Amino acid sequence: MEQAKTYTKRENARRAGVAAGVPAELVEITVHKNGDEVRFGWKQMEAPAPVAEGTPADAVVTTSKPKKAAPKVERVEQNGVKRPGPGKCLEVWEYLDQHGNMKPKDLQPVAEARGWNINNASIELYQWRKFNGISGRATVTS
């Protein structure tokens, strides 16, 4: 059912199609160019063929990608700070777990060598200290 009326915006053409009783998913927007002027119209698409009962699920063709479920990671919270999930932040925390409390200036060369963002590594150091209940200045042991 082609409409002779055109609209200045796609949204208006879609709205007119819905107002005419066509389901929104079946309204197809048409583009009408006349020189520099662009107008939009609408027409009704054909409804997709229903899937017959008894048809195997793998025979149905879909155009969307299947959604991957993110793995659920249990994050421990302590002293108001949550331990980070997988990624660079967790790498910094694991390094600090192994090497203990250190000053930001001591962490800087390690961050550069491992390809971590220096500012982020410093922030993670302070979050790690808060998580572990370490306050005050770091003691230097030689």
N, C-alpha and C. Protein backbone atom coordinates (compact mmCIF):
# COMPACT_ATOMS: atom_id res chain seq x y z
N MET A 1 0.85 -1.17 0.00
CA MET A 1 0.00 0.00 0.00
C MET A 1 0.89 1.23 0.00
N GLU A 2 1.20 1.74 -1.16
CA GLU A 2 2.11 2.86 -1.32
C GLU A 2 1.36 4.17 -1.04
N GLN A 3 1.98 5.02 -0.29
CA GLN A 3 1.38 6.30 0.07
C GLN A 3 1.93 7.40 -0.84
N ALA A 4 1.09 8.31 -1.26
CA ALA A 4 1.52 9.43 -2.10
C ALA A 4 2.08 10.56 -1.24
N LYS A 5 1.71 10.58 0.03
CA LYS A 5 2.15 11.65 0.91
C LYS A 5 3.58 11.39 1.37
N THR A 6 4.38 12.46 1.43
CA THR A 6 5.76 12.32 1.91
C THR A 6 5.97 13.21 3.12
N TYR A 7 7.03 12.92 3.85
CA TYR A 7 7.30 13.60 5.12
C TYR A 7 8.75 14.08 5.14
N THR A 8 9.02 15.07 5.99
CA THR A 8 10.36 15.63 6.06
C THR A 8 11.31 14.79 6.91
N LYS A 9 10.77 13.97 7.78
CA LYS A 9 11.60 13.13 8.65
C LYS A 9 11.16 11.68 8.56
N ARG A 10 12.15 10.79 8.75
CA ARG A 10 11.84 9.35 8.74
C ARG A 10 10.85 8.99 9.85
N GLU A 11 11.04 9.61 11.02
CA GLU A 11 10.17 9.32 12.16
C GLU A 11 8.72 9.63 11.84
N ASN A 12 8.51 10.73 11.13
CA ASN A 12 7.14 11.12 10.80
C ASN A 12 6.51 10.12 9.82
N ALA A 13 7.32 9.63 8.87
CA ALA A 13 6.80 8.65 7.92
C ALA A 13 6.45 7.35 8.66
N ARG A 14 7.31 6.91 9.58
CA ARG A 14 7.03 5.69 10.34
C ARG A 14 5.78 5.87 11.19
N ARG A 15 5.66 7.04 11.81
CA ARG A 15 4.50 7.33 12.65
C ARG A 15 3.21 7.29 11.82
N ALA A 16 3.27 7.81 10.60
CA ALA A 16 2.09 7.81 9.73
C ALA A 16 1.70 6.39 9.35
N GLY A 17 2.69 5.53 9.12
CA GLY A 17 2.41 4.15 8.79
C GLY A 17 1.75 3.42 9.94
N VAL A 18 2.24 3.66 11.14
CA VAL A 18 1.65 3.04 12.34
C VAL A 18 0.23 3.56 12.55
N ALA A 19 0.03 4.86 12.32
CA ALA A 19 -1.30 5.46 12.47
C ALA A 19 -2.28 4.87 11.46
N ALA A 20 -1.77 4.39 10.33
CA ALA A 20 -2.64 3.79 9.32
C ALA A 20 -2.97 2.35 9.65
N GLY A 21 -2.44 1.85 10.77
CA GLY A 21 -2.79 0.50 11.21
C GLY A 21 -1.77 -0.56 10.84
N VAL A 22 -0.62 -0.17 10.34
CA VAL A 22 0.42 -1.14 9.98
C VAL A 22 1.33 -1.33 11.20
N PRO A 23 1.65 -2.58 11.59
CA PRO A 23 2.57 -2.78 12.71
C PRO A 23 3.93 -2.12 12.43
N ALA A 24 4.53 -1.56 13.46
CA ALA A 24 5.77 -0.79 13.31
C ALA A 24 6.87 -1.58 12.63
N GLU A 25 6.95 -2.90 12.90
CA GLU A 25 8.01 -3.70 12.30
C GLU A 25 7.77 -3.99 10.82
N LEU A 26 6.57 -3.69 10.33
CA LEU A 26 6.26 -3.90 8.92
C LEU A 26 6.21 -2.61 8.11
N VAL A 27 6.54 -1.48 8.73
CA VAL A 27 6.56 -0.21 8.01
C VAL A 27 7.94 -0.04 7.39
N GLU A 28 7.98 0.06 6.07
CA GLU A 28 9.25 0.26 5.35
C GLU A 28 9.31 1.72 4.91
N ILE A 29 10.41 2.38 5.23
CA ILE A 29 10.59 3.79 4.88
C ILE A 29 11.14 3.88 3.46
N THR A 30 10.55 4.74 2.65
CA THR A 30 11.03 4.97 1.28
C THR A 30 11.62 6.37 1.21
N VAL A 31 12.64 6.54 0.40
CA VAL A 31 13.33 7.82 0.25
C VAL A 31 13.00 8.38 -1.12
N HIS A 32 12.58 9.64 -1.18
CA HIS A 32 12.21 10.31 -2.42
C HIS A 32 13.10 11.54 -2.57
N LYS A 33 13.97 11.52 -3.57
CA LYS A 33 14.87 12.65 -3.80
C LYS A 33 14.39 13.43 -5.01
N ASN A 34 14.40 14.76 -4.85
CA ASN A 34 14.03 15.65 -5.94
C ASN A 34 15.02 16.81 -5.91
N GLY A 35 16.10 16.68 -6.66
CA GLY A 35 17.14 17.71 -6.63
C GLY A 35 17.85 17.66 -5.28
N ASP A 36 17.84 18.78 -4.57
CA ASP A 36 18.46 18.84 -3.24
C ASP A 36 17.49 18.46 -2.13
N GLU A 37 16.23 18.30 -2.47
CA GLU A 37 15.22 18.00 -1.46
C GLU A 37 15.08 16.49 -1.26
N VAL A 38 15.02 16.07 0.00
CA VAL A 38 14.83 14.67 0.34
C VAL A 38 13.56 14.58 1.19
N ARG A 39 12.66 13.69 0.79
CA ARG A 39 11.42 13.45 1.52
C ARG A 39 11.31 11.96 1.79
N PHE A 40 10.50 11.59 2.77
CA PHE A 40 10.37 10.20 3.17
C PHE A 40 8.90 9.78 3.10
N GLY A 41 8.69 8.57 2.64
CA GLY A 41 7.36 7.99 2.60
C GLY A 41 7.41 6.63 3.28
N TRP A 42 6.32 5.90 3.17
CA TRP A 42 6.31 4.57 3.78
C TRP A 42 5.47 3.64 2.94
N LYS A 43 5.77 2.35 3.09
CA LYS A 43 4.93 1.32 2.48
C LYS A 43 4.98 0.11 3.40
N GLN A 44 3.99 -0.75 3.25
CA GLN A 44 3.91 -1.92 4.11
C GLN A 44 4.73 -3.05 3.51
N MET A 45 5.60 -3.64 4.34
CA MET A 45 6.38 -4.80 3.92
C MET A 45 5.51 -6.04 4.05
N GLU A 46 5.97 -7.11 3.41
CA GLU A 46 5.26 -8.38 3.55
C GLU A 46 5.63 -8.99 4.89
N ALA A 47 4.66 -9.60 5.53
CA ALA A 47 4.92 -10.24 6.81
C ALA A 47 5.79 -11.47 6.58
N PRO A 48 6.74 -11.76 7.50
CA PRO A 48 7.57 -12.95 7.34
C PRO A 48 6.72 -14.20 7.46
N ALA A 49 7.12 -15.22 6.74
CA ALA A 49 6.38 -16.49 6.76
C ALA A 49 6.48 -17.11 8.14
N PRO A 50 5.39 -17.57 8.70
CA PRO A 50 5.44 -18.18 10.02
C PRO A 50 6.21 -19.50 9.97
N VAL A 51 6.87 -19.84 11.07
CA VAL A 51 7.61 -21.09 11.16
C VAL A 51 6.63 -22.20 11.45
N ALA A 52 6.66 -23.23 10.61
CA ALA A 52 5.73 -24.35 10.76
C ALA A 52 6.12 -25.19 11.97
N GLU A 53 5.10 -25.78 12.60
CA GLU A 53 5.38 -26.66 13.72
C GLU A 53 6.12 -27.89 13.22
N GLY A 54 7.03 -28.37 14.02
CA GLY A 54 7.80 -29.54 13.65
C GLY A 54 9.05 -29.18 12.87
N THR A 55 9.24 -27.90 12.53
CA THR A 55 10.45 -27.49 11.84
C THR A 55 11.58 -27.45 12.85
N PRO A 56 12.72 -28.06 12.54
CA PRO A 56 13.83 -28.03 13.49
C PRO A 56 14.30 -26.59 13.72
N ALA A 57 14.77 -26.32 14.93
CA ALA A 57 15.18 -24.96 15.30
C ALA A 57 16.35 -24.49 14.46
N ASP A 58 17.23 -25.42 14.02
CA ASP A 58 18.39 -24.99 13.24
C ASP A 58 18.02 -24.63 11.80
N ALA A 59 16.79 -24.94 11.37
CA ALA A 59 16.36 -24.60 10.03
C ALA A 59 15.90 -23.14 9.95
N VAL A 60 15.65 -22.51 11.09
CA VAL A 60 15.21 -21.12 11.12
C VAL A 60 16.43 -20.22 10.95
N VAL A 61 16.37 -19.30 10.00
CA VAL A 61 17.47 -18.40 9.74
C VAL A 61 17.23 -17.09 10.49
N THR A 62 18.23 -16.68 11.26
CA THR A 62 18.13 -15.40 11.95
C THR A 62 19.23 -14.48 11.44
N THR A 63 18.98 -13.19 11.51
CA THR A 63 19.97 -12.23 11.03
C THR A 63 20.76 -11.60 12.16
N SER A 64 20.35 -11.83 13.38
CA SER A 64 21.07 -11.24 14.50
C SER A 64 22.08 -12.23 15.04
N LYS A 65 23.11 -11.70 15.66
CA LYS A 65 24.15 -12.54 16.26
C LYS A 65 23.65 -13.05 17.61
N PRO A 66 24.01 -14.27 17.95
CA PRO A 66 23.60 -14.76 19.28
C PRO A 66 24.34 -13.99 20.36
N LYS A 67 23.63 -13.70 21.43
CA LYS A 67 24.24 -12.94 22.51
C LYS A 67 25.05 -13.87 23.38
N LYS A 68 26.27 -13.43 23.68
CA LYS A 68 27.14 -14.22 24.53
C LYS A 68 26.88 -13.81 25.97
N ALA A 69 26.68 -14.79 26.80
CA ALA A 69 26.47 -14.50 28.21
C ALA A 69 27.83 -14.27 28.85
N ALA A 70 27.97 -13.15 29.54
CA ALA A 70 29.22 -12.85 30.21
C ALA A 70 29.37 -13.81 31.39
N PRO A 71 30.56 -14.34 31.57
CA PRO A 71 30.74 -15.25 32.70
C PRO A 71 30.57 -14.50 34.01
N LYS A 72 29.85 -15.11 34.92
CA LYS A 72 29.59 -14.49 36.21
C LYS A 72 30.82 -14.68 37.09
N VAL A 73 31.43 -13.57 37.47
CA VAL A 73 32.62 -13.59 38.30
C VAL A 73 32.23 -13.11 39.69
N GLU A 74 32.53 -13.91 40.69
CA GLU A 74 32.23 -13.53 42.07
C GLU A 74 33.29 -12.53 42.52
N ARG A 75 32.86 -11.32 42.86
CA ARG A 75 33.78 -10.27 43.27
C ARG A 75 33.67 -10.08 44.77
N VAL A 76 34.81 -10.18 45.42
CA VAL A 76 34.87 -10.04 46.87
C VAL A 76 34.87 -8.57 47.24
N GLU A 77 34.08 -8.20 48.26
CA GLU A 77 34.07 -6.82 48.74
C GLU A 77 34.58 -6.81 50.17
N GLN A 78 35.45 -5.85 50.43
CA GLN A 78 36.07 -5.74 51.74
C GLN A 78 36.40 -4.26 51.97
N ASN A 79 36.09 -3.74 53.13
CA ASN A 79 36.35 -2.33 53.47
C ASN A 79 35.73 -1.36 52.47
N GLY A 80 34.60 -1.74 51.89
CA GLY A 80 33.90 -0.86 50.95
C GLY A 80 34.49 -0.84 49.56
N VAL A 81 35.43 -1.74 49.25
CA VAL A 81 36.06 -1.79 47.93
C VAL A 81 35.88 -3.20 47.38
N LYS A 82 35.47 -3.29 46.10
CA LYS A 82 35.34 -4.59 45.46
C LYS A 82 36.63 -4.92 44.71
N ARG A 83 37.04 -6.18 44.80
CA ARG A 83 38.19 -6.65 44.04
C ARG A 83 37.81 -6.62 42.57
N PRO A 84 38.69 -6.15 41.68
CA PRO A 84 38.32 -6.01 40.27
C PRO A 84 38.13 -7.35 39.57
N GLY A 85 37.38 -7.30 38.49
CA GLY A 85 37.16 -8.48 37.66
C GLY A 85 38.34 -8.66 36.71
N PRO A 86 38.25 -9.59 35.77
CA PRO A 86 39.34 -9.86 34.85
C PRO A 86 39.74 -8.62 34.05
N GLY A 87 41.03 -8.43 33.85
CA GLY A 87 41.53 -7.30 33.07
C GLY A 87 42.81 -6.76 33.66
N LYS A 88 43.19 -5.58 33.17
CA LYS A 88 44.45 -4.95 33.59
C LYS A 88 44.45 -4.61 35.07
N CYS A 89 43.31 -4.17 35.59
CA CYS A 89 43.25 -3.79 37.01
C CYS A 89 43.53 -5.00 37.89
N LEU A 90 42.99 -6.14 37.50
CA LEU A 90 43.25 -7.35 38.27
C LEU A 90 44.71 -7.75 38.20
N GLU A 91 45.36 -7.51 37.06
CA GLU A 91 46.80 -7.79 36.93
C GLU A 91 47.60 -6.97 37.94
N VAL A 92 47.23 -5.70 38.09
CA VAL A 92 47.93 -4.83 39.05
C VAL A 92 47.71 -5.38 40.46
N TRP A 93 46.48 -5.75 40.79
CA TRP A 93 46.18 -6.28 42.12
C TRP A 93 46.95 -7.57 42.39
N GLU A 94 47.03 -8.45 41.41
CA GLU A 94 47.75 -9.70 41.60
C GLU A 94 49.24 -9.44 41.82
N TYR A 95 49.80 -8.46 41.11
CA TYR A 95 51.20 -8.09 41.33
C TYR A 95 51.39 -7.57 42.75
N LEU A 96 50.46 -6.74 43.20
CA LEU A 96 50.56 -6.19 44.56
C LEU A 96 50.36 -7.28 45.61
N ASP A 97 49.50 -8.27 45.32
CA ASP A 97 49.34 -9.40 46.24
C ASP A 97 50.66 -10.14 46.44
N GLN A 98 51.43 -10.27 45.37
CA GLN A 98 52.70 -11.00 45.42
C GLN A 98 53.83 -10.17 46.03
N HIS A 99 53.84 -8.86 45.75
CA HIS A 99 54.97 -8.03 46.16
C HIS A 99 54.67 -7.12 47.33
N GLY A 100 53.47 -7.15 47.85
CA GLY A 100 53.14 -6.37 49.04
C GLY A 100 53.00 -4.89 48.78
N ASN A 101 52.91 -4.14 49.88
CA ASN A 101 52.69 -2.70 49.81
C ASN A 101 53.93 -2.01 49.25
N MET A 102 53.74 -1.05 48.39
CA MET A 102 54.85 -0.29 47.82
C MET A 102 54.41 1.13 47.57
N LYS A 103 55.36 1.98 47.30
CA LYS A 103 55.07 3.37 46.99
C LYS A 103 54.72 3.49 45.51
N PRO A 104 53.96 4.53 45.15
CA PRO A 104 53.63 4.71 43.74
C PRO A 104 54.86 4.86 42.85
N LYS A 105 55.91 5.50 43.36
CA LYS A 105 57.12 5.68 42.54
C LYS A 105 57.83 4.34 42.31
N ASP A 106 57.62 3.37 43.21
CA ASP A 106 58.20 2.04 43.01
C ASP A 106 57.37 1.23 42.02
N LEU A 107 56.08 1.51 41.94
CA LEU A 107 55.19 0.79 41.04
C LEU A 107 55.29 1.32 39.60
N GLN A 108 55.73 2.56 39.44
CA GLN A 108 55.78 3.20 38.13
C GLN A 108 56.64 2.44 37.12
N PRO A 109 57.89 2.04 37.44
CA PRO A 109 58.67 1.31 36.44
C PRO A 109 58.07 -0.07 36.11
N VAL A 110 57.43 -0.69 37.08
CA VAL A 110 56.78 -1.99 36.84
C VAL A 110 55.63 -1.79 35.86
N ALA A 111 54.85 -0.73 36.06
CA ALA A 111 53.72 -0.45 35.18
C ALA A 111 54.19 -0.19 33.75
N GLU A 112 55.27 0.56 33.60
CA GLU A 112 55.81 0.83 32.26
C GLU A 112 56.28 -0.46 31.60
N ALA A 113 56.95 -1.32 32.37
CA ALA A 113 57.49 -2.57 31.81
C ALA A 113 56.37 -3.53 31.40
N ARG A 114 55.27 -3.53 32.12
CA ARG A 114 54.18 -4.47 31.83
C ARG A 114 53.11 -3.88 30.92
N GLY A 115 53.25 -2.62 30.52
CA GLY A 115 52.30 -2.01 29.59
C GLY A 115 51.02 -1.53 30.25
N TRP A 116 51.07 -1.25 31.57
CA TRP A 116 49.91 -0.73 32.27
C TRP A 116 49.93 0.78 32.19
N ASN A 117 48.77 1.39 32.25
CA ASN A 117 48.67 2.84 32.35
C ASN A 117 49.17 3.23 33.73
N ILE A 118 50.14 4.14 33.80
CA ILE A 118 50.80 4.50 35.06
C ILE A 118 49.80 5.11 36.04
N ASN A 119 48.96 6.00 35.56
CA ASN A 119 47.98 6.64 36.44
C ASN A 119 46.98 5.62 36.98
N ASN A 120 46.53 4.70 36.12
CA ASN A 120 45.59 3.69 36.56
C ASN A 120 46.24 2.74 37.57
N ALA A 121 47.50 2.38 37.34
CA ALA A 121 48.20 1.50 38.28
C ALA A 121 48.31 2.17 39.65
N SER A 122 48.53 3.47 39.66
CA SER A 122 48.63 4.20 40.92
C SER A 122 47.28 4.20 41.65
N ILE A 123 46.22 4.41 40.92
CA ILE A 123 44.88 4.39 41.51
C ILE A 123 44.57 3.01 42.06
N GLU A 124 44.93 1.98 41.30
CA GLU A 124 44.70 0.61 41.75
C GLU A 124 45.50 0.30 43.01
N LEU A 125 46.70 0.88 43.12
CA LEU A 125 47.51 0.70 44.33
C LEU A 125 46.75 1.21 45.54
N TYR A 126 46.18 2.39 45.44
CA TYR A 126 45.44 2.96 46.57
C TYR A 126 44.17 2.17 46.87
N GLN A 127 43.50 1.68 45.83
CA GLN A 127 42.32 0.86 46.06
C GLN A 127 42.70 -0.46 46.72
N TRP A 128 43.83 -1.05 46.29
CA TRP A 128 44.31 -2.30 46.88
C TRP A 128 44.64 -2.09 48.35
N ARG A 129 45.27 -0.95 48.67
CA ARG A 129 45.61 -0.65 50.06
C ARG A 129 44.36 -0.49 50.91
N LYS A 130 43.35 0.20 50.37
CA LYS A 130 42.11 0.38 51.11
C LYS A 130 41.41 -0.96 51.31
N PHE A 131 41.39 -1.80 50.28
CA PHE A 131 40.79 -3.12 50.34
C PHE A 131 41.43 -3.97 51.44
N ASN A 132 42.74 -3.87 51.55
CA ASN A 132 43.48 -4.65 52.53
C ASN A 132 43.60 -3.98 53.89
N GLY A 133 43.00 -2.81 54.05
CA GLY A 133 43.00 -2.13 55.35
C GLY A 133 44.33 -1.49 55.70
N ILE A 134 45.14 -1.16 54.69
CA ILE A 134 46.44 -0.52 54.94
C ILE A 134 46.25 0.97 54.86
N SER A 135 46.58 1.67 55.95
CA SER A 135 46.47 3.13 55.95
C SER A 135 47.80 3.71 56.35
N GLY A 136 47.99 4.96 56.07
CA GLY A 136 49.25 5.61 56.41
C GLY A 136 50.28 5.40 55.31
N ARG A 137 51.48 5.75 55.61
CA ARG A 137 52.56 5.66 54.62
C ARG A 137 53.10 4.25 54.53
N ALA A 138 53.59 3.93 53.36
CA ALA A 138 54.18 2.61 53.14
C ALA A 138 55.56 2.60 53.78
N THR A 139 55.89 1.53 54.43
CA THR A 139 57.23 1.40 55.01
C THR A 139 58.14 0.76 53.98
N VAL A 140 59.33 1.32 53.87
CA VAL A 140 60.30 0.82 52.90
C VAL A 140 61.19 -0.18 53.59
N THR A 141 61.23 -1.38 53.06
CA THR A 141 62.14 -2.40 53.61
C THR A 141 63.21 -2.68 52.56
N SER A 142 64.45 -2.63 53.02
CA SER A 142 65.55 -2.83 52.08
C SER A 142 66.09 -4.22 52.13
